[in-house]
Protein backbone atom coordinates (compact mmCIF):
# COMPACT_ATOMS: atom_id res chain seq x y z
CA MET A 1 43.63 3.51 4.95
CA PRO A 2 42.08 0.78 7.10
CA SER A 3 43.27 -2.79 6.94
CA LEU A 4 41.02 -5.55 5.60
CA SER A 5 40.20 -6.70 9.14
CA GLN A 6 38.91 -3.22 10.03
CA LEU A 7 36.46 -3.07 7.10
CA PRO A 8 32.89 -4.29 7.52
CA ASP A 9 31.69 -7.23 5.48
CA GLY A 10 28.48 -7.19 3.47
CA ILE A 11 27.75 -3.47 3.04
CA LYS A 12 24.76 -3.02 0.75
CA GLN A 13 25.57 -1.29 -2.53
CA LYS A 14 22.63 1.11 -2.21
CA LYS A 15 23.71 2.25 1.26
CA PHE A 16 27.32 2.70 0.12
CA LEU A 17 26.24 4.74 -2.92
CA LYS A 18 24.13 7.04 -0.72
CA ALA A 19 27.14 7.63 1.52
CA LEU A 20 29.25 8.49 -1.54
CA GLU A 21 26.60 10.96 -2.70
CA LYS A 22 26.74 12.67 0.68
CA VAL A 23 30.50 13.22 0.39
CA GLY A 24 30.22 14.70 -3.11
CA PHE A 25 30.11 11.91 -5.69
CA ARG A 26 27.53 11.75 -8.47
CA ILE A 27 26.12 8.26 -9.11
CA SER A 28 25.43 6.95 -12.61
CA THR A 29 23.69 3.64 -13.25
CA LYS A 30 24.08 4.04 -17.02
CA GLY A 31 27.86 3.80 -17.04
CA GLY A 32 28.08 0.49 -15.24
CA ASN A 33 27.72 -3.02 -16.57
CA GLY A 34 24.72 -4.99 -15.24
CA SER A 35 24.35 -4.27 -11.54
CA HIS A 36 27.53 -2.17 -11.42
CA CYS A 37 27.33 1.62 -10.97
CA LYS A 38 29.75 4.46 -11.47
CA ALA A 39 30.59 6.99 -8.78
CA ILE A 40 31.79 10.15 -10.54
CA TRP A 41 33.86 12.83 -8.81
CA THR A 42 33.75 16.51 -9.80
CA ASN A 43 36.78 16.20 -12.11
CA GLU A 44 34.83 13.57 -14.12
CA LYS A 45 37.01 10.68 -12.92
CA SER A 46 34.98 7.69 -11.86
CA VAL A 47 35.08 4.50 -9.82
CA THR A 48 33.03 1.42 -10.66
CA ILE A 49 31.07 0.10 -7.68
CA GLN A 50 30.18 -3.59 -7.82
CA TYR A 51 26.96 -4.97 -6.41
CA ASP A 52 28.76 -7.42 -4.13
CA LEU A 53 30.88 -5.34 -1.75
CA ARG A 54 33.09 -7.94 -0.11
CA LYS A 55 35.93 -6.73 2.09
CA ASP A 56 38.58 -7.22 -0.58
CA MET A 57 36.57 -5.35 -3.22
CA LEU A 58 35.69 -2.57 -0.78
CA TYR A 59 39.40 -2.14 0.00
CA VAL A 60 40.26 -1.69 -3.69
CA ILE A 61 37.34 0.71 -4.21
CA LEU A 62 38.36 2.81 -1.20
CA LYS A 63 41.93 3.07 -2.52
CA GLU A 64 40.60 4.32 -5.88
CA ILE A 65 38.28 6.80 -4.16
CA LYS A 66 41.18 8.17 -2.10
CA VAL A 67 43.32 8.68 -5.23
CA ILE A 68 40.54 10.32 -7.26
CA SER A 69 38.94 12.54 -4.63
CA GLY A 70 41.02 12.55 -1.47
CA VAL A 71 37.99 11.30 0.49
CA ASP A 72 39.00 8.67 3.03
CA TRP A 73 37.17 5.79 4.71
CA ASP A 74 36.50 7.69 7.94
CA GLU A 75 34.58 10.36 6.05
CA ILE A 76 32.50 7.78 4.15
CA LYS A 77 31.88 5.72 7.28
CA LYS A 78 30.20 8.72 8.97
CA HIS A 79 27.41 8.56 6.37
CA LEU A 80 26.77 4.79 6.42
C-alpha cells in the first residue's frame, strides 16, 4: 500500500472508474448518492467512489479495494 505522499492528487473520477473496469470491477451509477458511484467486484461487494478523489479519500478507497478484491494500487495505476 502506498503512503499518502506517493499517491497523486486530483485524479478524475471518470478516469479512475475506467481503470477499475479494466481490472475487473463493474461500475454502477445507480447505487451511489449524487455524483458518487459504486465499483462492484465479482463477489457483489462494492466500494463507493466519490467524485472528489483527494489523496486522503483515494487512500481509504484503495484500502477497501485491496480488502474486497485483492487488487493493489500498482495494478490500478497501470491503467490510469
